[in-house]
């Protein structure tokens, strides 16, 4: 699986590891959804691991995350948690 965001649109594709990654516009392998207003807020700093093959692995140890005041991309405020929003099913 691979996912990306562009503005307020979240897209994903899913495929068997024996095949090449499909194009982002391949409706048979994924889809996209536009997030409701207010879901474009900045997130928090963290770690990401992607594009692992079935035999690959990743591990994390002793991680710590905190905002750096004034840093580019740092959240300017703590956001209140939101209740999940139902998103229509994809084809």
PDB file of N, CA and C in Angstrom:
ATOM      1  N   UNK A   1       0.843  -1.178   0.000  1.00  0.00           N
ATOM      2  CA  UNK A   1       0.000   0.000   0.000  1.00  0.00           C
ATOM      3  C   UNK A   1       0.884   1.234   0.000  1.00  0.00           C
ATOM      4  N   UNK A   2       0.443   2.248  -0.691  1.00  0.00           N
ATOM      5  CA  UNK A   2       1.135   3.529  -0.692  1.00  0.00           C
ATOM      6  C   UNK A   2       0.057   4.604  -0.645  1.00  0.00           C
ATOM      7  N   UNK A   3       0.280   5.634   0.144  1.00  0.00           N
ATOM      8  CA  UNK A   3      -0.685   6.721   0.262  1.00  0.00           C
ATOM      9  C   UNK A   3       0.036   8.057   0.171  1.00  0.00           C
ATOM     10  N   UNK A   4      -0.682   9.085  -0.241  1.00  0.00           N
ATOM     11  CA  UNK A   4      -0.117  10.429  -0.318  1.00  0.00           C
ATOM     12  C   UNK A   4      -1.219  11.452  -0.108  1.00  0.00           C
ATOM     13  N   UNK A   5      -0.805  12.649   0.243  1.00  0.00           N
ATOM     14  CA  UNK A   5      -1.744  13.755   0.335  1.00  0.00           C
ATOM     15  C   UNK A   5      -1.268  14.872  -0.577  1.00  0.00           C
ATOM     16  N   UNK A   6      -2.206  15.507  -1.210  1.00  0.00           N
ATOM     17  CA  UNK A   6      -1.951  16.692  -2.019  1.00  0.00           C
ATOM     18  C   UNK A   6      -3.048  17.676  -1.669  1.00  0.00           C
ATOM     19  N   UNK A   7      -2.671  18.723  -0.931  1.00  0.00           N
ATOM     20  CA  UNK A   7      -3.681  19.653  -0.457  1.00  0.00           C
ATOM     21  C   UNK A   7      -4.632  18.926   0.469  1.00  0.00           C
ATOM     22  N   UNK A   8      -5.925  18.963   0.174  1.00  0.00           N
ATOM     23  CA  UNK A   8      -6.919  18.285   1.018  1.00  0.00           C
ATOM     24  C   UNK A   8      -7.333  16.926   0.448  1.00  0.00           C
ATOM     25  N   UNK A   9      -6.592  16.423  -0.547  1.00  0.00           N
ATOM     26  CA  UNK A   9      -6.923  15.131  -1.150  1.00  0.00           C
ATOM     27  C   UNK A   9      -5.966  14.051  -0.665  1.00  0.00           C
ATOM     28  N   UNK A  10      -6.532  12.953  -0.175  1.00  0.00           N
ATOM     29  CA  UNK A  10      -5.756  11.789   0.245  1.00  0.00           C
ATOM     30  C   UNK A  10      -5.990  10.698  -0.797  1.00  0.00           C
ATOM     31  N   UNK A  11      -4.904  10.146  -1.332  1.00  0.00           N
ATOM     32  CA  UNK A  11      -4.994   9.087  -2.340  1.00  0.00           C
ATOM     33  C   UNK A  11      -4.219   7.870  -1.868  1.00  0.00           C
ATOM     34  N   UNK A  12      -4.623   6.706  -2.364  1.00  0.00           N
ATOM     35  CA  UNK A  12      -3.911   5.477  -2.025  1.00  0.00           C
ATOM     36  C   UNK A  12      -3.997   4.485  -3.165  1.00  0.00           C
ATOM     37  N   UNK A  13      -3.036   3.585  -3.206  1.00  0.00           N
ATOM     38  CA  UNK A  13      -3.066   2.428  -4.106  1.00  0.00           C
ATOM     39  C   UNK A  13      -2.606   1.215  -3.304  1.00  0.00           C
ATOM     40  N   UNK A  14      -3.162   0.063  -3.647  1.00  0.00           N
ATOM     41  CA  UNK A  14      -2.823  -1.206  -2.990  1.00  0.00           C
ATOM     42  C   UNK A  14      -2.574  -2.216  -4.097  1.00  0.00           C
ATOM     43  N   UNK A  15      -1.522  -3.033  -3.948  1.00  0.00           N
ATOM     44  CA  UNK A  15      -1.196  -3.998  -4.981  1.00  0.00           C
ATOM     45  C   UNK A  15      -0.429  -5.173  -4.395  1.00  0.00           C
ATOM     46  N   UNK A  16      -0.450  -6.320  -5.064  1.00  0.00           N
ATOM     47  CA  UNK A  16       0.325  -7.482  -4.594  1.00  0.00           C
ATOM     48  C   UNK A  16       1.824  -7.198  -4.733  1.00  0.00           C
ATOM     49  N   UNK A  17       2.620  -7.730  -3.833  1.00  0.00           N
ATOM     50  CA  UNK A  17       4.068  -7.483  -3.871  1.00  0.00           C
ATOM     51  C   UNK A  17       4.718  -8.070  -5.122  1.00  0.00           C
ATOM     52  N   UNK A  18       4.037  -8.961  -5.819  1.00  0.00           N
ATOM     53  CA  UNK A  18       4.582  -9.557  -7.042  1.00  0.00           C
ATOM     54  C   UNK A  18       4.397  -8.650  -8.263  1.00  0.00           C
ATOM     55  N   UNK A  19       3.716  -7.524  -8.098  1.00  0.00           N
ATOM     56  CA  UNK A  19       3.460  -6.607  -9.211  1.00  0.00           C
ATOM     57  C   UNK A  19       4.066  -5.240  -8.934  1.00  0.00           C
ATOM     58  N   UNK A  20       4.268  -4.475  -9.999  1.00  0.00           N
ATOM     59  CA  UNK A  20       4.758  -3.099  -9.865  1.00  0.00           C
ATOM     60  C   UNK A  20       3.644  -2.219  -9.292  1.00  0.00           C
ATOM     61  N   UNK A  21       4.030  -1.131  -8.611  1.00  0.00           N
ATOM     62  CA  UNK A  21       3.041  -0.207  -8.056  1.00  0.00           C
ATOM     63  C   UNK A  21       2.190   0.369  -9.180  1.00  0.00           C
ATOM     64  N   UNK A  22       0.862   0.332  -9.039  1.00  0.00           N
ATOM     65  CA  UNK A  22      -0.016   0.897 -10.070  1.00  0.00           C
ATOM     66  C   UNK A  22       0.045   2.424 -10.069  1.00  0.00           C
ATOM     67  N   UNK A  23      -0.457   3.011 -11.125  1.00  0.00           N
ATOM     68  CA  UNK A  23      -0.529   4.469 -11.223  1.00  0.00           C
ATOM     69  C   UNK A  23      -1.521   5.004 -10.190  1.00  0.00           C
ATOM     70  N   UNK A  24      -1.322   6.239  -9.762  1.00  0.00           N
ATOM     71  CA  UNK A  24      -2.212   6.853  -8.775  1.00  0.00           C
ATOM     72  C   UNK A  24      -3.648   6.922  -9.270  1.00  0.00           C
ATOM     73  N   UNK A  25      -3.865   7.003 -10.576  1.00  0.00           N
ATOM     74  CA  UNK A  25      -5.231   7.123 -11.102  1.00  0.00           C
ATOM     75  C   UNK A  25      -5.831   5.774 -11.481  1.00  0.00           C
ATOM     76  N   UNK A  26      -5.228   4.670 -11.053  1.00  0.00           N
ATOM     77  CA  UNK A  26      -5.749   3.326 -11.345  1.00  0.00           C
ATOM     78  C   UNK A  26      -6.891   3.020 -10.375  1.00  0.00           C
ATOM     79  N   UNK A  27      -8.139   3.217 -10.841  1.00  0.00           N
ATOM     80  CA  UNK A  27      -9.311   3.048  -9.975  1.00  0.00           C
ATOM     81  C   UNK A  27      -9.490   1.610  -9.495  1.00  0.00           C
ATOM     82  N   UNK A  28      -8.922   0.643 -10.205  1.00  0.00           N
ATOM     83  CA  UNK A  28      -9.044  -0.753  -9.783  1.00  0.00           C
ATOM     84  C   UNK A  28      -8.127  -1.076  -8.609  1.00  0.00           C
ATOM     85  N   UNK A  29      -7.136  -0.206  -8.351  1.00  0.00           N
ATOM     86  CA  UNK A  29      -6.156  -0.474  -7.295  1.00  0.00           C
ATOM     87  C   UNK A  29      -6.201   0.517  -6.144  1.00  0.00           C
ATOM     88  N   UNK A  30      -7.035   1.534  -6.237  1.00  0.00           N
ATOM     89  CA  UNK A  30      -7.058   2.524  -5.164  1.00  0.00           C
ATOM     90  C   UNK A  30      -8.116   3.567  -5.392  1.00  0.00           C
ATOM     91  N   UNK A  31      -7.894   4.703  -4.792  1.00  0.00           N
ATOM     92  CA  UNK A  31      -8.857   5.788  -4.921  1.00  0.00           C
ATOM     93  C   UNK A  31      -8.374   7.011  -4.174  1.00  0.00           C
ATOM     94  N   UNK A  32      -9.236   7.985  -4.063  1.00  0.00           N
ATOM     95  CA  UNK A  32      -8.896   9.204  -3.340  1.00  0.00           C
ATOM     96  C   UNK A  32     -10.162   9.800  -2.752  1.00  0.00           C
ATOM     97  N   UNK A  33      -9.959  10.653  -1.786  1.00  0.00           N
ATOM     98  CA  UNK A  33     -11.069  11.330  -1.131  1.00  0.00           C
ATOM     99  C   UNK A  33     -10.599  12.727  -0.745  1.00  0.00           C
ATOM    100  N   UNK A  34     -11.497  13.697  -0.835  1.00  0.00           N
ATOM    101  CA  UNK A  34     -11.192  15.051  -0.392  1.00  0.00           C
ATOM    102  C   UNK A  34     -11.649  15.177   1.051  1.00  0.00           C
ATOM    103  N   UNK A  35     -10.754  15.579   1.913  1.00  0.00           N
ATOM    104  CA  UNK A  35     -11.071  15.688   3.334  1.00  0.00           C
ATOM    105  C   UNK A  35     -11.980  16.879   3.590  1.00  0.00           C
ATOM    106  N   UNK A  36     -12.860  16.751   4.577  1.00  0.00           N
ATOM    107  CA  UNK A  36     -13.743  17.870   4.929  1.00  0.00           C
ATOM    108  C   UNK A  36     -12.942  19.068   5.414  1.00  0.00           C
ATOM    109  N   UNK A  37     -13.528  20.227   5.340  1.00  0.00           N
ATOM    110  CA  UNK A  37     -12.899  21.452   5.817  1.00  0.00           C
ATOM    111  C   UNK A  37     -12.430  21.275   7.262  1.00  0.00           C
ATOM    112  N   UNK A  38     -11.240  21.762   7.571  1.00  0.00           N
ATOM    113  CA  UNK A  38     -10.707  21.669   8.924  1.00  0.00           C
ATOM    114  C   UNK A  38      -9.756  20.508   9.119  1.00  0.00           C
ATOM    115  N   UNK A  39      -9.681  19.583   8.168  1.00  0.00           N
ATOM    116  CA  UNK A  39      -8.771  18.453   8.300  1.00  0.00           C
ATOM    117  C   UNK A  39      -7.418  18.745   7.666  1.00  0.00           C
ATOM    118  N   UNK A  40      -7.197  19.967   7.230  1.00  0.00           N
ATOM    119  CA  UNK A  40      -5.913  20.332   6.638  1.00  0.00           C
ATOM    120  C   UNK A  40      -4.926  20.871   7.663  1.00  0.00           C
ATOM    121  N   UNK A  41      -5.272  20.786   8.952  1.00  0.00           N
ATOM    122  CA  UNK A  41      -4.370  21.290   9.981  1.00  0.00           C
ATOM    123  C   UNK A  41      -3.059  20.526   9.974  1.00  0.00           C
ATOM    124  N   UNK A  42      -2.012  21.207  10.405  1.00  0.00           N
ATOM    125  CA  UNK A  42      -0.713  20.551  10.496  1.00  0.00           C
ATOM    126  C   UNK A  42      -0.765  19.447  11.534  1.00  0.00           C
ATOM    127  N   UNK A  43       0.011  18.427  11.282  1.00  0.00           N
ATOM    128  CA  UNK A  43       0.103  17.328  12.232  1.00  0.00           C
ATOM    129  C   UNK A  43       1.239  17.566  13.214  1.00  0.00           C
ATOM    130  N   UNK A  44       1.717  16.506  13.763  1.00  0.00           N
ATOM    131  CA  UNK A  44       2.819  16.570  14.709  1.00  0.00           C
ATOM    132  C   UNK A  44       4.042  15.914  14.086  1.00  0.00           C
ATOM    133  N   UNK A  45       5.201  16.290  14.575  1.00  0.00           N
ATOM    134  CA  UNK A  45       6.423  15.670  14.090  1.00  0.00           C
ATOM    135  C   UNK A  45       6.426  14.194  14.446  1.00  0.00           C
ATOM    136  N   UNK A  46       7.060  13.389  13.636  1.00  0.00           N
ATOM    137  CA  UNK A  46       7.108  11.961  13.897  1.00  0.00           C
ATOM    138  C   UNK A  46       8.020  11.269  12.903  1.00  0.00           C
ATOM    139  N   UNK A  47       7.865   9.976  12.777  1.00  0.00           N
ATOM    140  CA  UNK A  47       8.696   9.172  11.884  1.00  0.00           C
ATOM    141  C   UNK A  47       7.815   8.408  10.926  1.00  0.00           C
ATOM    142  N   UNK A  48       8.366   8.110   9.783  1.00  0.00           N
ATOM    143  CA  UNK A  48       7.639   7.400   8.738  1.00  0.00           C
ATOM    144  C   UNK A  48       8.583   6.397   8.082  1.00  0.00           C
ATOM    145  N   UNK A  49       8.092   5.236   7.803  1.00  0.00           N
ATOM    146  CA  UNK A  49       8.831   4.231   7.048  1.00  0.00           C
ATOM    147  C   UNK A  49       7.909   3.772   5.935  1.00  0.00           C
ATOM    148  N   UNK A  50       8.401   3.780   4.717  1.00  0.00           N
ATOM    149  CA  UNK A  50       7.559   3.368   3.617  1.00  0.00           C
ATOM    150  C   UNK A  50       8.323   2.620   2.552  1.00  0.00           C
ATOM    151  N   UNK A  51       7.581   2.089   1.628  1.00  0.00           N
ATOM    152  CA  UNK A  51       8.127   1.350   0.484  1.00  0.00           C
ATOM    153  C   UNK A  51       8.971   0.166   0.924  1.00  0.00           C
ATOM    154  N   UNK A  52       8.457  -0.573   1.907  1.00  0.00           N
ATOM    155  CA  UNK A  52       9.124  -1.794   2.358  1.00  0.00           C
ATOM    156  C   UNK A  52       8.600  -2.977   1.559  1.00  0.00           C
ATOM    157  N   UNK A  53       9.480  -3.884   1.229  1.00  0.00           N
ATOM    158  CA  UNK A  53       9.063  -5.125   0.564  1.00  0.00           C
ATOM    159  C   UNK A  53       8.605  -6.113   1.635  1.00  0.00           C
ATOM    160  N   UNK A  54       7.967  -7.190   1.205  1.00  0.00           N
ATOM    161  CA  UNK A  54       7.427  -8.174   2.142  1.00  0.00           C
ATOM    162  C   UNK A  54       8.499  -8.709   3.090  1.00  0.00           C
ATOM    163  N   UNK A  55       9.737  -8.831   2.668  1.00  0.00           N
ATOM    164  CA  UNK A  55      10.793  -9.385   3.522  1.00  0.00           C
ATOM    165  C   UNK A  55      11.528  -8.307   4.330  1.00  0.00           C
ATOM    166  N   UNK A  56      11.232  -7.028   4.109  1.00  0.00           N
ATOM    167  CA  UNK A  56      11.894  -5.939   4.831  1.00  0.00           C
ATOM    168  C   UNK A  56      11.269  -5.748   6.206  1.00  0.00           C
ATOM    169  N   UNK A  57      11.992  -5.082   7.068  1.00  0.00           N
ATOM    170  CA  UNK A  57      11.442  -4.754   8.380  1.00  0.00           C
ATOM    171  C   UNK A  57      12.052  -3.457   8.878  1.00  0.00           C
ATOM    172  N   UNK A  58      11.385  -2.833   9.813  1.00  0.00           N
ATOM    173  CA  UNK A  58      11.864  -1.604  10.436  1.00  0.00           C
ATOM    174  C   UNK A  58      11.531  -1.677  11.913  1.00  0.00           C
ATOM    175  N   UNK A  59      12.364  -1.061  12.725  1.00  0.00           N
ATOM    176  CA  UNK A  59      12.074  -1.009  14.161  1.00  0.00           C
ATOM    177  C   UNK A  59      12.459   0.361  14.691  1.00  0.00           C
ATOM    178  N   UNK A  60      11.785   0.783  15.739  1.00  0.00           N
ATOM    179  CA  UNK A  60      12.033   2.073  16.372  1.00  0.00           C
ATOM    180  C   UNK A  60      12.340   1.827  17.839  1.00  0.00           C
ATOM    181  N   UNK A  61      13.298   2.575  18.373  1.00  0.00           N
ATOM    182  CA  UNK A  61      13.638   2.469  19.796  1.00  0.00           C
ATOM    183  C   UNK A  61      13.965   3.845  20.359  1.00  0.00           C
ATOM    184  N   UNK A  62      13.587   4.062  21.591  1.00  0.00           N
ATOM    185  CA  UNK A  62      13.967   5.270  22.327  1.00  0.00           C
ATOM    186  C   UNK A  62      13.680   6.562  21.567  1.00  0.00           C
ATOM    187  N   UNK A  63      12.508   6.652  20.989  1.00  0.00           N
ATOM    188  CA  UNK A  63      12.140   7.845  20.227  1.00  0.00           C
ATOM    189  C   UNK A  63      11.461   8.859  21.138  1.00  0.00           C
ATOM    190  N   UNK A  64      11.653  10.122  20.828  1.00  0.00           N
ATOM    191  CA  UNK A  64      11.023  11.198  21.581  1.00  0.00           C
ATOM    192  C   UNK A  64      10.678  12.296  20.591  1.00  0.00           C
ATOM    193  N   UNK A  65       9.483  12.852  20.703  1.00  0.00           N
ATOM    194  CA  UNK A  65       9.056  13.891  19.792  1.00  0.00           C
ATOM    195  C   UNK A  65       8.523  15.065  20.593  1.00  0.00           C
ATOM    196  N   UNK A  66       8.892  16.236  20.176  1.00  0.00           N
ATOM    197  CA  UNK A  66       8.369  17.450  20.774  1.00  0.00           C
ATOM    198  C   UNK A  66       8.451  18.557  19.757  1.00  0.00           C
ATOM    199  N   UNK A  67       7.623  19.552  19.886  1.00  0.00           N
ATOM    200  CA  UNK A  67       7.686  20.649  18.922  1.00  0.00           C
ATOM    201  C   UNK A  67       8.862  21.554  19.261  1.00  0.00           C
ATOM    202  N   UNK A  68       9.383  22.171  18.245  1.00  0.00           N
ATOM    203  CA  UNK A  68      10.496  23.111  18.403  1.00  0.00           C
ATOM    204  C   UNK A  68       9.908  24.489  18.145  1.00  0.00           C
ATOM    205  N   UNK A  69       9.755  25.305  19.175  1.00  0.00           N
ATOM    206  CA  UNK A  69       9.119  26.609  18.996  1.00  0.00           C
ATOM    207  C   UNK A  69       9.793  27.407  17.887  1.00  0.00           C
ATOM    208  N   UNK A  70       8.976  27.944  16.981  1.00  0.00           N
ATOM    209  CA  UNK A  70       9.493  28.784  15.905  1.00  0.00           C
ATOM    210  C   UNK A  70      10.066  28.015  14.730  1.00  0.00           C
ATOM    211  N   UNK A  71      10.140  26.688  14.810  1.00  0.00           N
ATOM    212  CA  UNK A  71      10.694  25.912  13.700  1.00  0.00           C
ATOM    213  C   UNK A  71       9.710  25.895  12.535  1.00  0.00           C
ATOM    214  N   UNK A  72      10.245  25.912  11.320  1.00  0.00           N
ATOM    215  CA  UNK A  72       9.387  25.844  10.138  1.00  0.00           C
ATOM    216  C   UNK A  72       8.574  24.554  10.179  1.00  0.00           C
ATOM    217  N   UNK A  73       7.281  24.663  10.003  1.00  0.00           N
ATOM    218  CA  UNK A  73       6.420  23.491  10.005  1.00  0.00           C
ATOM    219  C   UNK A  73       5.968  23.062  11.387  1.00  0.00           C
ATOM    220  N   UNK A  74       6.476  23.697  12.444  1.00  0.00           N
ATOM    221  CA  UNK A  74       6.060  23.322  13.795  1.00  0.00           C
ATOM    222  C   UNK A  74       4.622  23.763  14.023  1.00  0.00           C
ATOM    223  N   UNK A  75       3.809  22.908  14.619  1.00  0.00           N
ATOM    224  CA  UNK A  75       2.430  23.312  14.910  1.00  0.00           C
ATOM    225  C   UNK A  75       2.426  24.552  15.798  1.00  0.00           C
ATOM    226  N   UNK A  76       1.567  25.502  15.477  1.00  0.00           N
ATOM    227  CA  UNK A  76       1.514  26.732  16.253  1.00  0.00           C
ATOM    228  C   UNK A  76       0.665  26.583  17.503  1.00  0.00           C
ATOM    229  N   UNK A  77      -0.106  25.520  17.570  1.00  0.00           N
ATOM    230  CA  UNK A  77      -0.951  25.298  18.740  1.00  0.00           C
ATOM    231  C   UNK A  77      -1.305  23.822  18.837  1.00  0.00           C
ATOM    232  N   UNK A  78      -1.723  23.408  20.002  1.00  0.00           N
ATOM    233  CA  UNK A  78      -2.185  22.036  20.169  1.00  0.00           C
ATOM    234  C   UNK A  78      -3.636  21.984  19.735  1.00  0.00           C
ATOM    235  N   UNK A  79      -3.954  21.061  18.858  1.00  0.00           N
ATOM    236  CA  UNK A  79      -5.318  20.952  18.345  1.00  0.00           C
ATOM    237  C   UNK A  79      -6.108  19.945  19.160  1.00  0.00           C
ATOM    238  N   UNK A  80      -7.372  20.249  19.381  1.00  0.00           N
ATOM    239  CA  UNK A  80      -8.245  19.327  20.105  1.00  0.00           C
ATOM    240  C   UNK A  80      -8.521  18.114  19.236  1.00  0.00           C
ATOM    241  N   UNK A  81      -8.613  16.918  19.834  1.00  0.00           N
ATOM    242  CA  UNK A  81      -8.939  15.722  19.043  1.00  0.00           C
ATOM    243  C   UNK A  81     -10.297  15.864  18.384  1.00  0.00           C
ATOM    244  N   UNK A  82     -10.444  15.264  17.210  1.00  0.00           N
ATOM    245  CA  UNK A  82     -11.711  15.286  16.499  1.00  0.00           C
ATOM    246  C   UNK A  82     -12.319  13.895  16.476  1.00  0.00           C
ATOM    247  N   UNK A  83     -13.618  13.864  16.449  1.00  0.00           N
ATOM    248  CA  UNK A  83     -14.306  12.583  16.265  1.00  0.00           C
ATOM    249  C   UNK A  83     -14.136  12.177  14.808  1.00  0.00           C
ATOM    250  N   UNK A  84     -14.034  10.871  14.519  1.00  0.00           N
ATOM    251  CA  UNK A  84     -13.905  10.427  13.126  1.00  0.00           C
ATOM    252  C   UNK A  84     -15.095  10.895  12.286  1.00  0.00           C
ATOM    253  N   UNK A  85     -14.825  11.174  11.027  1.00  0.00           N
ATOM    254  CA  UNK A  85     -15.869  11.562  10.094  1.00  0.00           C
ATOM    255  C   UNK A  85     -16.074  10.433   9.104  1.00  0.00           C
ATOM    256  N   UNK A  86     -17.308  10.055   8.872  1.00  0.00           N
ATOM    257  CA  UNK A  86     -17.595   8.992   7.897  1.00  0.00           C
ATOM    258  C   UNK A  86     -17.202   9.481   6.512  1.00  0.00           C
ATOM    259  N   UNK A  87     -16.498   8.625   5.781  1.00  0.00           N
ATOM    260  CA  UNK A  87     -16.090   8.942   4.417  1.00  0.00           C
ATOM    261  C   UNK A  87     -16.733   7.910   3.510  1.00  0.00           C
ATOM    262  N   UNK A  88     -17.399   8.365   2.434  1.00  0.00           N
ATOM    263  CA  UNK A  88     -18.079   7.415   1.542  1.00  0.00           C
ATOM    264  C   UNK A  88     -17.118   6.353   1.020  1.00  0.00           C
ATOM    265  N   UNK A  89     -17.638   5.161   0.793  1.00  0.00           N
ATOM    266  CA  UNK A  89     -16.827   4.079   0.249  1.00  0.00           C
ATOM    267  C   UNK A  89     -16.278   4.409  -1.123  1.00  0.00           C
ATOM    268  N   UNK A  90     -15.165   3.811  -1.451  1.00  0.00           N
ATOM    269  CA  UNK A  90     -14.540   3.991  -2.761  1.00  0.00           C
ATOM    270  C   UNK A  90     -14.894   2.822  -3.641  1.00  0.00           C
ATOM    271  N   UNK A  91     -14.837   3.034  -4.971  1.00  0.00           N
ATOM    272  CA  UNK A  91     -15.192   1.918  -5.871  1.00  0.00           C
ATOM    273  C   UNK A  91     -14.313   0.718  -5.680  1.00  0.00           C
TER     274      UNK A  91
END
